[in-house]
Amino acid sequence: MAYPKGKKRGELLRKVGMIDYKDAHLLEMFIDMYGRIVPRRYSGLSVKRQKELAGAIKRSRIMGLMRFVK
């Protein structure tokens, strides 16, 4: 797996506050180079926030705002 080490990505969401499916640029930070959603241990999010993030990414993909595969 090629996940970056160092700072957790969850710190970005703490600054933003709300997860929105329309913010594709923010959501792409939680997608790895193969197009998969980054697991919770690398994103640094709580269970609730990770589920919200996954739902927003899936909704954004279905609406055509994000690609399914990079």
C-alpha atoms as a PDB file:
ATOM      1  CA  MET A   1       0.000   0.000   0.000  1.00  0.00           C
ATOM      2  CA  ALA A   2       1.203   3.465  -0.825  1.00  0.00           C
ATOM      3  CA  TYR A   3      -0.275   5.631   1.904  1.00  0.00           C
ATOM      4  CA  PRO A   4       1.539   8.765   2.991  1.00  0.00           C
ATOM      5  CA  LYS A   5       3.042   8.815   6.445  1.00  0.00           C
ATOM      6  CA  GLY A   6       3.084  11.752   8.787  1.00  0.00           C
ATOM      7  CA  LYS A   7       0.147  14.067   9.388  1.00  0.00           C
ATOM      8  CA  LYS A   8      -3.289  12.569   9.387  1.00  0.00           C
ATOM      9  CA  ARG A   9      -5.703  13.783   6.750  1.00  0.00           C
ATOM     10  CA  GLY A  10      -8.472  14.111   9.323  1.00  0.00           C
ATOM     11  CA  GLU A  11      -7.000  17.411  10.440  1.00  0.00           C
ATOM     12  CA  LEU A  12      -8.287  18.908   7.184  1.00  0.00           C
ATOM     13  CA  LEU A  13     -11.861  17.998   8.061  1.00  0.00           C
ATOM     14  CA  ARG A  14     -11.550  19.428  11.545  1.00  0.00           C
ATOM     15  CA  LYS A  15     -10.795  22.787   9.963  1.00  0.00           C
ATOM     16  CA  VAL A  16     -13.596  22.512   7.397  1.00  0.00           C
ATOM     17  CA  GLY A  17     -16.182  21.140   9.788  1.00  0.00           C
ATOM     18  CA  MET A  18     -18.781  19.771   7.364  1.00  0.00           C
ATOM     19  CA  ILE A  19     -18.427  17.040   4.751  1.00  0.00           C
ATOM     20  CA  ASP A  20     -20.183  17.992   1.533  1.00  0.00           C
ATOM     21  CA  TYR A  21     -20.436  15.801  -1.559  1.00  0.00           C
ATOM     22  CA  LYS A  22     -20.119  18.880  -3.795  1.00  0.00           C
ATOM     23  CA  ASP A  23     -16.587  19.646  -2.555  1.00  0.00           C
ATOM     24  CA  ALA A  24     -14.800  17.187  -4.851  1.00  0.00           C
ATOM     25  CA  HIS A  25     -11.374  18.740  -4.252  1.00  0.00           C
ATOM     26  CA  LEU A  26     -11.536  18.007  -0.524  1.00  0.00           C
ATOM     27  CA  LEU A  27     -12.917  14.514  -1.059  1.00  0.00           C
ATOM     28  CA  GLU A  28     -10.129  13.609  -3.491  1.00  0.00           C
ATOM     29  CA  MET A  29      -7.637  13.997  -0.650  1.00  0.00           C
ATOM     30  CA  PHE A  30      -9.229  10.929   0.932  1.00  0.00           C
ATOM     31  CA  ILE A  31      -8.845   8.794  -2.210  1.00  0.00           C
ATOM     32  CA  ASP A  32      -5.645   6.812  -2.796  1.00  0.00           C
ATOM     33  CA  MET A  33      -3.850   6.562  -6.128  1.00  0.00           C
ATOM     34  CA  TYR A  34      -5.937   3.535  -7.125  1.00  0.00           C
ATOM     35  CA  GLY A  35      -9.258   5.315  -6.561  1.00  0.00           C
ATOM     36  CA  ARG A  36     -10.133   3.610  -3.279  1.00  0.00           C
ATOM     37  CA  ILE A  37     -11.366   5.358  -0.157  1.00  0.00           C
ATOM     38  CA  VAL A  38      -8.573   5.683   2.405  1.00  0.00           C
ATOM     39  CA  PRO A  39      -9.143   3.531   5.509  1.00  0.00           C
ATOM     40  CA  ARG A  40      -9.882   5.038   8.862  1.00  0.00           C
ATOM     41  CA  ARG A  41      -6.480   4.282  10.355  1.00  0.00           C
ATOM     42  CA  TYR A  42      -4.847   6.513   7.707  1.00  0.00           C
ATOM     43  CA  SER A  43      -7.482   9.210   7.536  1.00  0.00           C
ATOM     44  CA  GLY A  44      -7.531   9.729  11.316  1.00  0.00           C
ATOM     45  CA  LEU A  45     -11.311  10.147  11.427  1.00  0.00           C
ATOM     46  CA  SER A  46     -13.824   8.795  13.909  1.00  0.00           C
ATOM     47  CA  VAL A  47     -16.219   6.040  12.853  1.00  0.00           C
ATOM     48  CA  LYS A  48     -19.083   8.482  12.364  1.00  0.00           C
ATOM     49  CA  ARG A  49     -17.022  10.922  10.288  1.00  0.00           C
ATOM     50  CA  GLN A  50     -15.534   8.088   8.180  1.00  0.00           C
ATOM     51  CA  LYS A  51     -19.047   6.854   7.322  1.00  0.00           C
ATOM     52  CA  GLU A  52     -20.091  10.398   6.392  1.00  0.00           C
ATOM     53  CA  LEU A  53     -16.973  10.732   4.237  1.00  0.00           C
ATOM     54  CA  ALA A  54     -17.568   7.415   2.456  1.00  0.00           C
ATOM     55  CA  GLY A  55     -21.192   8.339   1.781  1.00  0.00           C
ATOM     56  CA  ALA A  56     -20.207  11.734   0.414  1.00  0.00           C
ATOM     57  CA  ILE A  57     -17.576  10.195  -1.868  1.00  0.00           C
ATOM     58  CA  LYS A  58     -20.018   7.599  -3.188  1.00  0.00           C
ATOM     59  CA  ARG A  59     -22.709  10.245  -3.739  1.00  0.00           C
ATOM     60  CA  SER A  60     -20.236  12.487  -5.531  1.00  0.00           C
ATOM     61  CA  ARG A  61     -19.142   9.637  -7.797  1.00  0.00           C
ATOM     62  CA  ILE A  62     -22.714   8.736  -8.734  1.00  0.00           C
ATOM     63  CA  MET A  63     -23.581  12.361  -9.524  1.00  0.00           C
ATOM     64  CA  GLY A  64     -20.518  12.622 -11.784  1.00  0.00           C
ATOM     65  CA  LEU A  65     -18.502  15.095  -9.749  1.00  0.00           C
ATOM     66  CA  MET A  66     -15.686  12.591  -9.148  1.00  0.00           C
ATOM     67  CA  ARG A  67     -14.320   9.721 -11.187  1.00  0.00           C
ATOM     68  CA  PHE A  68     -14.615   6.134 -10.001  1.00  0.00           C
ATOM     69  CA  VAL A  69     -11.041   5.280 -11.035  1.00  0.00           C
ATOM     70  CA  LYS A  70      -8.087   7.666 -11.325  1.00  0.00           C
END
